[in-house]
Amino acid sequence: MTYYREILLNDGRKCILRNAEEKDAREVLDNFNLTHSQTDYLLSYPGEERFTVEEEAEYLRNKSDNENGIEIIAEVDGRVVASAGIEQVGKREKIRHRAEFGISVDKNCWGLGIGTTLLEACIECAKKAGFTQLELTAVADNERAVSLYKKAGFTEFGRNPKGFRNRTGEYRTLIYMLLDTGD
């Protein structure tokens, strides 16, 4: 699946959204580690995921060759500032209609419209791939993200009160959300 779009950000700069490619592996990894150090709302801490550049390149190559998943990056001023993607939940007949969504945006670029556009791009790609359900998990305290997802049409279908446990021992509630993308 391929994706390409240019947008004008809220601050007037141009942003390119496109498929992440093998050649982007180093920048995608750097952005991953940066975004995971900027907020406690993402799945892991920086350094927990020990991907090498070669492993990331392989992952991105597999995403590029896959019609049931995509990894989209956002570039501003020639630099990767965000990524988002969808991935099929499973290949078994009973669950192959479902995809999972994930996103991370450099905190320095919050509020510019990148997250909204990446979400819209992933919804479009999910529909194109034939998924009828797009799912995500959000930390309940992350009011900006939860609001964005609700605005896009996602609905809550459950909560896990101890879904995250941060390094200080504090638990965070996770919200499970889904979007019906078709029949």
N, C-alpha and C. Protein backbone atom coordinates (compact mmCIF):
# COMPACT_ATOMS: atom_id res chain seq x y z
N MET A 1 0.84 -1.16 0.00
CA MET A 1 0.00 0.00 0.00
C MET A 1 0.90 1.24 0.00
N THR A 2 0.56 2.21 -0.79
CA THR A 2 1.36 3.43 -0.84
C THR A 2 0.53 4.63 -0.41
N TYR A 3 1.23 5.61 0.14
CA TYR A 3 0.56 6.82 0.59
C TYR A 3 1.51 8.00 0.39
N TYR A 4 0.95 9.10 -0.10
CA TYR A 4 1.72 10.34 -0.23
C TYR A 4 0.75 11.51 -0.18
N ARG A 5 1.10 12.51 0.63
CA ARG A 5 0.28 13.71 0.72
C ARG A 5 1.13 14.84 1.27
N GLU A 6 0.92 16.03 0.76
CA GLU A 6 1.57 17.22 1.28
C GLU A 6 0.49 18.09 1.93
N ILE A 7 0.81 18.60 3.11
CA ILE A 7 -0.15 19.46 3.81
C ILE A 7 0.56 20.72 4.29
N LEU A 8 -0.22 21.74 4.56
CA LEU A 8 0.29 22.96 5.16
C LEU A 8 -0.06 22.89 6.65
N LEU A 9 0.94 23.03 7.50
CA LEU A 9 0.73 22.94 8.93
C LEU A 9 0.14 24.24 9.48
N ASN A 10 -0.34 24.17 10.69
CA ASN A 10 -0.94 25.33 11.34
C ASN A 10 0.03 26.50 11.48
N ASP A 11 1.34 26.23 11.43
CA ASP A 11 2.33 27.31 11.54
C ASP A 11 2.84 27.77 10.17
N GLY A 12 2.22 27.22 9.08
CA GLY A 12 2.57 27.64 7.73
C GLY A 12 3.63 26.80 7.05
N ARG A 13 4.29 25.91 7.77
CA ARG A 13 5.30 25.06 7.14
C ARG A 13 4.65 23.93 6.37
N LYS A 14 5.39 23.39 5.40
CA LYS A 14 4.92 22.25 4.62
C LYS A 14 5.32 20.95 5.32
N CYS A 15 4.43 20.00 5.25
CA CYS A 15 4.67 18.66 5.83
C CYS A 15 4.37 17.63 4.76
N ILE A 16 5.27 16.69 4.60
CA ILE A 16 5.07 15.60 3.65
C ILE A 16 4.77 14.34 4.44
N LEU A 17 3.66 13.69 4.08
CA LEU A 17 3.30 12.39 4.66
C LEU A 17 3.51 11.36 3.57
N ARG A 18 4.28 10.33 3.90
CA ARG A 18 4.59 9.29 2.91
C ARG A 18 4.94 7.99 3.60
N ASN A 19 4.99 6.94 2.78
CA ASN A 19 5.41 5.65 3.31
C ASN A 19 6.82 5.74 3.87
N ALA A 20 7.03 5.14 5.01
CA ALA A 20 8.39 4.99 5.53
C ALA A 20 9.06 3.91 4.70
N GLU A 21 10.31 4.15 4.34
CA GLU A 21 11.07 3.22 3.51
C GLU A 21 12.30 2.74 4.25
N GLU A 22 12.94 1.72 3.72
CA GLU A 22 14.15 1.18 4.33
C GLU A 22 15.17 2.27 4.64
N LYS A 23 15.33 3.19 3.70
CA LYS A 23 16.34 4.25 3.85
C LYS A 23 16.04 5.19 5.03
N ASP A 24 14.81 5.14 5.52
CA ASP A 24 14.39 6.00 6.64
C ASP A 24 14.64 5.37 8.00
N ALA A 25 15.18 4.17 8.02
CA ALA A 25 15.26 3.39 9.27
C ALA A 25 15.93 4.16 10.41
N ARG A 26 17.06 4.78 10.17
CA ARG A 26 17.78 5.51 11.24
C ARG A 26 16.90 6.64 11.78
N GLU A 27 16.32 7.45 10.88
CA GLU A 27 15.49 8.58 11.34
C GLU A 27 14.23 8.12 12.05
N VAL A 28 13.63 7.04 11.57
CA VAL A 28 12.42 6.52 12.21
C VAL A 28 12.76 6.03 13.62
N LEU A 29 13.88 5.33 13.76
CA LEU A 29 14.32 4.87 15.08
C LEU A 29 14.61 6.05 16.01
N ASP A 30 15.30 7.04 15.49
CA ASP A 30 15.62 8.22 16.30
C ASP A 30 14.33 8.91 16.76
N ASN A 31 13.37 9.03 15.85
CA ASN A 31 12.09 9.66 16.20
C ASN A 31 11.33 8.82 17.22
N PHE A 32 11.38 7.51 17.07
CA PHE A 32 10.75 6.59 18.02
C PHE A 32 11.30 6.84 19.42
N ASN A 33 12.62 6.85 19.53
CA ASN A 33 13.25 7.05 20.84
C ASN A 33 12.96 8.44 21.40
N LEU A 34 12.97 9.45 20.53
CA LEU A 34 12.66 10.80 20.97
C LEU A 34 11.23 10.89 21.51
N THR A 35 10.26 10.45 20.73
CA THR A 35 8.86 10.58 21.14
C THR A 35 8.57 9.77 22.41
N HIS A 36 9.24 8.64 22.56
CA HIS A 36 9.02 7.82 23.75
C HIS A 36 9.69 8.41 24.98
N SER A 37 10.60 9.36 24.77
CA SER A 37 11.21 10.05 25.92
C SER A 37 10.42 11.30 26.30
N GLN A 38 9.52 11.76 25.43
CA GLN A 38 8.81 13.01 25.64
C GLN A 38 7.48 12.86 26.37
N THR A 39 6.97 11.67 26.45
CA THR A 39 5.66 11.48 27.08
C THR A 39 5.60 10.10 27.73
N ASP A 40 4.77 9.99 28.73
CA ASP A 40 4.56 8.71 29.40
C ASP A 40 3.32 8.01 28.85
N TYR A 41 2.79 8.50 27.73
CA TYR A 41 1.57 7.94 27.17
C TYR A 41 1.82 6.85 26.13
N LEU A 42 3.07 6.60 25.77
CA LEU A 42 3.36 5.57 24.77
C LEU A 42 3.71 4.25 25.44
N LEU A 43 3.70 3.21 24.65
CA LEU A 43 3.79 1.83 25.15
C LEU A 43 5.09 1.48 25.86
N SER A 44 6.18 2.13 25.47
CA SER A 44 7.46 1.75 26.06
C SER A 44 8.29 2.98 26.40
N TYR A 45 9.35 2.73 27.16
CA TYR A 45 10.33 3.78 27.47
C TYR A 45 11.42 3.74 26.41
N PRO A 46 12.13 4.86 26.21
CA PRO A 46 13.24 4.83 25.27
C PRO A 46 14.26 3.78 25.69
N GLY A 47 14.76 3.08 24.72
CA GLY A 47 15.77 2.06 25.01
C GLY A 47 15.21 0.69 25.33
N GLU A 48 13.93 0.60 25.67
CA GLU A 48 13.33 -0.71 25.95
C GLU A 48 13.22 -1.55 24.68
N GLU A 49 12.85 -0.89 23.61
CA GLU A 49 12.78 -1.56 22.31
C GLU A 49 14.18 -1.49 21.72
N ARG A 50 14.80 -2.60 21.59
CA ARG A 50 16.19 -2.61 21.15
C ARG A 50 16.32 -3.02 19.68
N PHE A 51 15.69 -2.24 18.82
CA PHE A 51 15.80 -2.49 17.39
C PHE A 51 17.12 -1.92 16.89
N THR A 52 17.76 -2.66 16.01
CA THR A 52 18.92 -2.11 15.31
C THR A 52 18.40 -1.40 14.07
N VAL A 53 19.24 -0.60 13.47
CA VAL A 53 18.86 0.08 12.23
C VAL A 53 18.50 -0.96 11.17
N GLU A 54 19.25 -2.05 11.14
CA GLU A 54 18.99 -3.11 10.16
C GLU A 54 17.63 -3.77 10.40
N GLU A 55 17.28 -4.01 11.66
CA GLU A 55 15.98 -4.59 11.98
C GLU A 55 14.84 -3.64 11.64
N GLU A 56 15.05 -2.35 11.89
CA GLU A 56 14.04 -1.36 11.54
C GLU A 56 13.88 -1.28 10.02
N ALA A 57 14.98 -1.34 9.30
CA ALA A 57 14.93 -1.32 7.83
C ALA A 57 14.14 -2.52 7.31
N GLU A 58 14.37 -3.68 7.90
CA GLU A 58 13.64 -4.89 7.51
C GLU A 58 12.14 -4.74 7.81
N TYR A 59 11.81 -4.20 8.97
CA TYR A 59 10.42 -3.95 9.35
C TYR A 59 9.75 -3.02 8.34
N LEU A 60 10.44 -1.94 7.99
CA LEU A 60 9.88 -0.97 7.05
C LEU A 60 9.75 -1.57 5.65
N ARG A 61 10.70 -2.40 5.26
CA ARG A 61 10.61 -3.08 3.95
C ARG A 61 9.39 -3.99 3.93
N ASN A 62 9.16 -4.73 5.00
CA ASN A 62 7.99 -5.61 5.08
C ASN A 62 6.69 -4.80 5.04
N LYS A 63 6.67 -3.65 5.69
CA LYS A 63 5.48 -2.79 5.67
C LYS A 63 5.22 -2.29 4.24
N SER A 64 6.29 -1.95 3.53
CA SER A 64 6.14 -1.43 2.16
C SER A 64 5.57 -2.49 1.23
N ASP A 65 5.90 -3.74 1.47
CA ASP A 65 5.45 -4.83 0.61
C ASP A 65 4.11 -5.40 1.04
N ASN A 66 3.49 -4.83 2.05
CA ASN A 66 2.29 -5.39 2.66
C ASN A 66 1.05 -4.58 2.28
N GLU A 67 0.05 -5.23 1.73
CA GLU A 67 -1.20 -4.54 1.38
C GLU A 67 -2.15 -4.42 2.58
N ASN A 68 -1.80 -5.06 3.70
CA ASN A 68 -2.65 -5.05 4.90
C ASN A 68 -2.06 -4.24 6.04
N GLY A 69 -1.09 -3.43 5.74
CA GLY A 69 -0.49 -2.60 6.77
C GLY A 69 0.32 -1.50 6.13
N ILE A 70 0.60 -0.48 6.92
CA ILE A 70 1.38 0.65 6.41
C ILE A 70 2.03 1.37 7.57
N GLU A 71 3.16 1.97 7.30
CA GLU A 71 3.84 2.86 8.24
C GLU A 71 4.05 4.17 7.49
N ILE A 72 3.45 5.23 7.99
CA ILE A 72 3.53 6.54 7.35
C ILE A 72 4.35 7.46 8.24
N ILE A 73 5.27 8.19 7.61
CA ILE A 73 6.05 9.18 8.36
C ILE A 73 5.62 10.57 7.93
N ALA A 74 5.84 11.52 8.84
CA ALA A 74 5.61 12.93 8.55
C ALA A 74 6.97 13.61 8.58
N GLU A 75 7.29 14.32 7.50
CA GLU A 75 8.55 15.05 7.41
C GLU A 75 8.27 16.55 7.38
N VAL A 76 8.99 17.27 8.21
CA VAL A 76 8.92 18.73 8.24
C VAL A 76 10.35 19.23 8.17
N ASP A 77 10.60 20.13 7.25
CA ASP A 77 11.95 20.67 7.06
C ASP A 77 12.97 19.55 6.83
N GLY A 78 12.54 18.49 6.11
CA GLY A 78 13.44 17.38 5.78
C GLY A 78 13.72 16.43 6.92
N ARG A 79 12.97 16.54 8.01
CA ARG A 79 13.23 15.71 9.20
C ARG A 79 11.97 14.94 9.57
N VAL A 80 12.13 13.67 9.95
CA VAL A 80 11.00 12.85 10.40
C VAL A 80 10.58 13.34 11.78
N VAL A 81 9.30 13.77 11.89
CA VAL A 81 8.80 14.31 13.16
C VAL A 81 7.66 13.47 13.73
N ALA A 82 7.19 12.48 12.96
CA ALA A 82 6.08 11.66 13.44
C ALA A 82 5.98 10.41 12.59
N SER A 83 5.31 9.42 13.16
CA SER A 83 4.99 8.21 12.40
C SER A 83 3.67 7.64 12.92
N ALA A 84 3.01 6.95 12.03
CA ALA A 84 1.75 6.30 12.38
C ALA A 84 1.59 5.10 11.47
N GLY A 85 0.82 4.13 11.93
CA GLY A 85 0.63 2.96 11.09
C GLY A 85 -0.56 2.13 11.50
N ILE A 86 -0.89 1.23 10.60
CA ILE A 86 -1.91 0.23 10.88
C ILE A 86 -1.30 -1.14 10.63
N GLU A 87 -1.80 -2.10 11.37
CA GLU A 87 -1.33 -3.47 11.23
C GLU A 87 -2.50 -4.41 11.48
N GLN A 88 -2.61 -5.41 10.63
CA GLN A 88 -3.69 -6.39 10.77
C GLN A 88 -3.55 -7.12 12.10
N VAL A 89 -4.68 -7.29 12.80
CA VAL A 89 -4.68 -7.97 14.09
C VAL A 89 -4.28 -9.44 13.92
N GLY A 90 -4.77 -10.08 12.88
CA GLY A 90 -4.42 -11.47 12.62
C GLY A 90 -4.94 -11.91 11.26
N LYS A 91 -4.42 -13.01 10.79
CA LYS A 91 -4.79 -13.51 9.46
C LYS A 91 -5.92 -14.53 9.49
N ARG A 92 -6.28 -14.99 10.68
CA ARG A 92 -7.37 -15.96 10.77
C ARG A 92 -8.67 -15.32 10.32
N GLU A 93 -9.51 -16.11 9.70
CA GLU A 93 -10.74 -15.62 9.07
C GLU A 93 -11.60 -14.80 10.03
N LYS A 94 -11.70 -15.22 11.28
CA LYS A 94 -12.60 -14.55 12.22
C LYS A 94 -12.11 -13.18 12.66
N ILE A 95 -10.83 -12.90 12.50
CA ILE A 95 -10.30 -11.61 12.98
C ILE A 95 -9.59 -10.80 11.89
N ARG A 96 -9.54 -11.27 10.69
CA ARG A 96 -8.77 -10.56 9.66
C ARG A 96 -9.42 -9.26 9.19
N HIS A 97 -10.61 -8.95 9.68
CA HIS A 97 -11.28 -7.68 9.35
C HIS A 97 -10.80 -6.54 10.26
N ARG A 98 -9.95 -6.85 11.24
CA ARG A 98 -9.53 -5.88 12.25
C ARG A 98 -8.09 -5.43 12.03
N ALA A 99 -7.85 -4.13 12.27
CA ALA A 99 -6.49 -3.58 12.24
C ALA A 99 -6.27 -2.73 13.48
N GLU A 100 -5.02 -2.64 13.89
CA GLU A 100 -4.63 -1.81 15.03
C GLU A 100 -3.93 -0.56 14.52
N PHE A 101 -4.13 0.53 15.24
CA PHE A 101 -3.56 1.82 14.88
C PHE A 101 -2.61 2.29 15.98
N GLY A 102 -1.50 2.89 15.57
CA GLY A 102 -0.57 3.49 16.52
C GLY A 102 0.03 4.75 15.94
N ILE A 103 0.40 5.69 16.80
CA ILE A 103 0.93 6.97 16.35
C ILE A 103 1.87 7.56 17.39
N SER A 104 2.86 8.30 16.93
CA SER A 104 3.70 9.10 17.83
C SER A 104 4.16 10.34 17.08
N VAL A 105 4.11 11.47 17.77
CA VAL A 105 4.46 12.76 17.18
C VAL A 105 5.45 13.46 18.12
N ASP A 106 6.52 13.98 17.55
CA ASP A 106 7.49 14.77 18.31
C ASP A 106 6.74 15.89 19.04
N LYS A 107 6.96 15.99 20.33
CA LYS A 107 6.25 16.97 21.16
C LYS A 107 6.42 18.40 20.64
N ASN A 108 7.55 18.67 20.00
CA ASN A 108 7.79 19.99 19.42
C ASN A 108 6.85 20.30 18.27
N CYS A 109 6.14 19.28 17.78
CA CYS A 109 5.22 19.45 16.66
C CYS A 109 3.76 19.22 17.05
N TRP A 110 3.49 19.09 18.34
CA TRP A 110 2.11 18.94 18.77
C TRP A 110 1.34 20.23 18.44
N GLY A 111 0.09 20.08 18.09
CA GLY A 111 -0.77 21.22 17.82
C GLY A 111 -0.66 21.79 16.42
N LEU A 112 0.11 21.15 15.56
CA LEU A 112 0.30 21.66 14.20
C LEU A 112 -0.62 20.99 13.18
N GLY A 113 -1.35 19.94 13.60
CA GLY A 113 -2.24 19.25 12.68
C GLY A 113 -1.68 17.94 12.14
N ILE A 114 -0.47 17.59 12.56
CA ILE A 114 0.17 16.37 12.05
C ILE A 114 -0.55 15.12 12.54
N GLY A 115 -0.88 15.08 13.82
CA GLY A 115 -1.56 13.90 14.38
C GLY A 115 -2.90 13.66 13.72
N THR A 116 -3.67 14.72 13.54
CA THR A 116 -4.98 14.59 12.90
C THR A 116 -4.84 14.07 11.47
N THR A 117 -3.89 14.62 10.73
CA THR A 117 -3.71 14.20 9.34
C THR A 117 -3.20 12.77 9.26
N LEU A 118 -2.30 12.38 10.15
CA LEU A 118 -1.83 10.99 10.15
C LEU A 118 -2.97 10.03 10.50
N LEU A 119 -3.80 10.41 11.45
CA LEU A 119 -4.95 9.58 11.81
C LEU A 119 -5.88 9.42 10.61
N GLU A 120 -6.19 10.52 9.93
CA GLU A 120 -7.04 10.46 8.75
C GLU A 120 -6.41 9.58 7.67
N ALA A 121 -5.10 9.68 7.49
CA ALA A 121 -4.40 8.87 6.49
C ALA A 121 -4.52 7.38 6.82
N CYS A 122 -4.36 7.04 8.09
CA CYS A 122 -4.44 5.64 8.50
C CYS A 122 -5.86 5.10 8.37
N ILE A 123 -6.85 5.91 8.65
CA ILE A 123 -8.25 5.50 8.46
C ILE A 123 -8.50 5.23 6.98
N GLU A 124 -8.02 6.13 6.13
CA GLU A 124 -8.16 5.96 4.68
C GLU A 124 -7.49 4.66 4.22
N CYS A 125 -6.29 4.40 4.72
CA CYS A 125 -5.56 3.18 4.34
C CYS A 125 -6.25 1.93 4.86
N ALA A 126 -6.82 2.00 6.05
CA ALA A 126 -7.54 0.85 6.61
C ALA A 126 -8.74 0.50 5.74
N LYS A 127 -9.46 1.52 5.32
CA LYS A 127 -10.61 1.28 4.43
C LYS A 127 -10.16 0.70 3.11
N LYS A 128 -9.07 1.26 2.55
CA LYS A 128 -8.53 0.78 1.27
C LYS A 128 -8.11 -0.69 1.37
N ALA A 129 -7.59 -1.08 2.52
CA ALA A 129 -7.15 -2.47 2.73
C ALA A 129 -8.32 -3.41 3.01
N GLY A 130 -9.51 -2.86 3.20
CA GLY A 130 -10.69 -3.68 3.44
C GLY A 130 -10.98 -3.99 4.90
N PHE A 131 -10.30 -3.31 5.80
CA PHE A 131 -10.58 -3.52 7.22
C PHE A 131 -11.90 -2.83 7.57
N THR A 132 -12.70 -3.50 8.36
CA THR A 132 -13.97 -2.90 8.76
C THR A 132 -13.94 -2.42 10.20
N GLN A 133 -12.82 -2.67 10.88
CA GLN A 133 -12.68 -2.21 12.26
C GLN A 133 -11.25 -1.79 12.50
N LEU A 134 -11.07 -0.57 12.98
CA LEU A 134 -9.76 -0.05 13.35
C LEU A 134 -9.76 0.14 14.85
N GLU A 135 -8.73 -0.36 15.53
CA GLU A 135 -8.68 -0.37 16.98
C GLU A 135 -7.43 0.36 17.49
N LEU A 136 -7.54 0.90 18.69
CA LEU A 136 -6.40 1.53 19.32
C LEU A 136 -6.56 1.45 20.83
N THR A 137 -5.46 1.70 21.50
CA THR A 137 -5.45 1.79 22.96
C THR A 137 -4.86 3.14 23.33
N ALA A 138 -5.51 3.84 24.26
CA ALA A 138 -5.03 5.16 24.69
C ALA A 138 -5.02 5.22 26.21
N VAL A 139 -4.04 5.92 26.75
CA VAL A 139 -4.00 6.17 28.19
C VAL A 139 -5.10 7.18 28.50
N ALA A 140 -5.93 6.87 29.47
CA ALA A 140 -7.10 7.71 29.78
C ALA A 140 -6.72 9.15 30.10
N ASP A 141 -5.57 9.38 30.75
CA ASP A 141 -5.12 10.73 31.09
C ASP A 141 -4.76 11.56 29.86
N ASN A 142 -4.52 10.89 28.74
CA ASN A 142 -4.10 11.57 27.51
C ASN A 142 -5.32 12.17 26.83
N GLU A 143 -5.83 13.23 27.44
CA GLU A 143 -7.09 13.82 27.01
C GLU A 143 -7.04 14.35 25.58
N ARG A 144 -5.91 14.89 25.16
CA ARG A 144 -5.77 15.39 23.78
C ARG A 144 -5.96 14.26 22.79
N ALA A 145 -5.30 13.13 23.03
CA ALA A 145 -5.40 12.00 22.10
C ALA A 145 -6.81 11.42 22.11
N VAL A 146 -7.36 11.22 23.29
CA VAL A 146 -8.71 10.64 23.39
C VAL A 146 -9.71 11.54 22.68
N SER A 147 -9.57 12.84 22.84
CA SER A 147 -10.46 13.79 22.16
C SER A 147 -10.31 13.69 20.64
N LEU A 148 -9.07 13.59 20.17
CA LEU A 148 -8.81 13.43 18.73
C LEU A 148 -9.48 12.18 18.19
N TYR A 149 -9.33 11.07 18.91
CA TYR A 149 -9.90 9.80 18.45
C TYR A 149 -11.43 9.86 18.42
N LYS A 150 -12.02 10.46 19.46
CA LYS A 150 -13.48 10.59 19.48
C LYS A 150 -13.96 11.48 18.34
N LYS A 151 -13.25 12.55 18.08
CA LYS A 151 -13.62 13.45 16.99
C LYS A 151 -13.58 12.72 15.64
N ALA A 152 -12.68 11.76 15.50
CA ALA A 152 -12.56 10.98 14.26
C ALA A 152 -13.61 9.87 14.17
N GLY A 153 -14.38 9.66 15.27
CA GLY A 153 -15.44 8.67 15.24
C GLY A 153 -15.18 7.41 16.04
N PHE A 154 -14.02 7.34 16.71
CA PHE A 154 -13.73 6.17 17.55
C PHE A 154 -14.65 6.18 18.77
N THR A 155 -15.04 4.99 19.21
CA THR A 155 -15.85 4.86 20.42
C THR A 155 -15.13 3.94 21.40
N GLU A 156 -15.36 4.20 22.65
CA GLU A 156 -14.76 3.39 23.71
C GLU A 156 -15.53 2.07 23.84
N PHE A 157 -14.79 0.97 23.99
CA PHE A 157 -15.47 -0.30 24.22
C PHE A 157 -14.95 -1.03 25.45
N GLY A 158 -14.07 -0.38 26.20
CA GLY A 158 -13.61 -1.00 27.44
C GLY A 158 -12.47 -0.22 28.07
N ARG A 159 -12.21 -0.56 29.32
CA ARG A 159 -11.11 0.06 30.08
C ARG A 159 -10.36 -0.99 30.88
N ASN A 160 -9.09 -0.75 31.05
CA ASN A 160 -8.25 -1.57 31.90
C ASN A 160 -7.63 -0.62 32.93
N PRO A 161 -8.11 -0.67 34.19
CA PRO A 161 -7.65 0.30 35.19
C PRO A 161 -6.17 0.17 35.55
N LYS A 162 -5.57 -0.96 35.26
CA LYS A 162 -4.15 -1.15 35.54
C LYS A 162 -3.42 -1.54 34.25
N GLY A 163 -3.78 -0.91 33.16
CA GLY A 163 -3.22 -1.25 31.86
C GLY A 163 -1.77 -0.85 31.69
N PHE A 164 -1.35 0.24 32.31
CA PHE A 164 0.03 0.72 32.27
C PHE A 164 0.51 0.84 33.70
N ARG A 165 1.76 0.54 33.90
CA ARG A 165 2.40 0.80 35.20
C ARG A 165 3.70 1.51 34.91
N ASN A 166 3.80 2.75 35.33
CA ASN A 166 5.01 3.49 35.02
C ASN A 166 6.12 3.16 36.01
N ARG A 167 7.27 3.73 35.80
CA ARG A 167 8.44 3.38 36.61
C ARG A 167 8.32 3.81 38.06
N THR A 168 7.42 4.72 38.37
CA THR A 168 7.22 5.13 39.76
C THR A 168 6.23 4.19 40.46
N GLY A 169 5.71 3.21 39.73
CA GLY A 169 4.77 2.26 40.30
C GLY A 169 3.31 2.67 40.15
N GLU A 170 3.06 3.83 39.58
CA GLU A 170 1.70 4.32 39.39
C GLU A 170 1.03 3.61 38.21
N TYR A 171 -0.20 3.20 38.43
CA TYR A 171 -0.97 2.57 37.35
C TYR A 171 -1.73 3.63 36.57
N ARG A 172 -1.90 3.37 35.29
CA ARG A 172 -2.67 4.24 34.41
C ARG A 172 -3.75 3.41 33.73
N THR A 173 -4.93 4.00 33.63
CA THR A 173 -6.05 3.34 32.96
C THR A 173 -5.87 3.42 31.45
N LEU A 174 -6.08 2.30 30.79
CA LEU A 174 -6.09 2.26 29.33
C LEU A 174 -7.52 2.21 28.83
N ILE A 175 -7.77 2.95 27.77
CA ILE A 175 -9.08 2.94 27.11
C ILE A 175 -8.92 2.20 25.79
N TYR A 176 -9.79 1.23 25.56
CA TYR A 176 -9.83 0.52 24.29
C TYR A 176 -10.88 1.18 23.42
N MET A 177 -10.47 1.55 22.20
CA MET A 177 -11.37 2.27 21.31
C MET A 177 -11.38 1.60 19.94
N LEU A 178 -12.50 1.78 19.23
CA LEU A 178 -12.58 1.24 17.88
C LEU A 178 -13.37 2.16 16.98
N LEU A 179 -13.10 2.02 15.69
CA LEU A 179 -13.80 2.77 14.65
C LEU A 179 -14.34 1.77 13.65
N ASP A 180 -15.63 1.85 13.40
CA ASP A 180 -16.26 1.01 12.38
C ASP A 180 -15.98 1.69 11.04
N THR A 181 -15.19 1.05 10.18
CA THR A 181 -14.80 1.66 8.93
C THR A 181 -15.61 1.14 7.73
N GLY A 182 -16.57 0.33 7.97
CA GLY A 182 -17.39 -0.20 6.88
C GLY A 182 -17.99 -1.53 7.25
N ASP A 183 -18.69 -2.17 6.29
CA ASP A 183 -19.29 -3.47 6.60
C ASP A 183 -18.53 -4.55 5.97
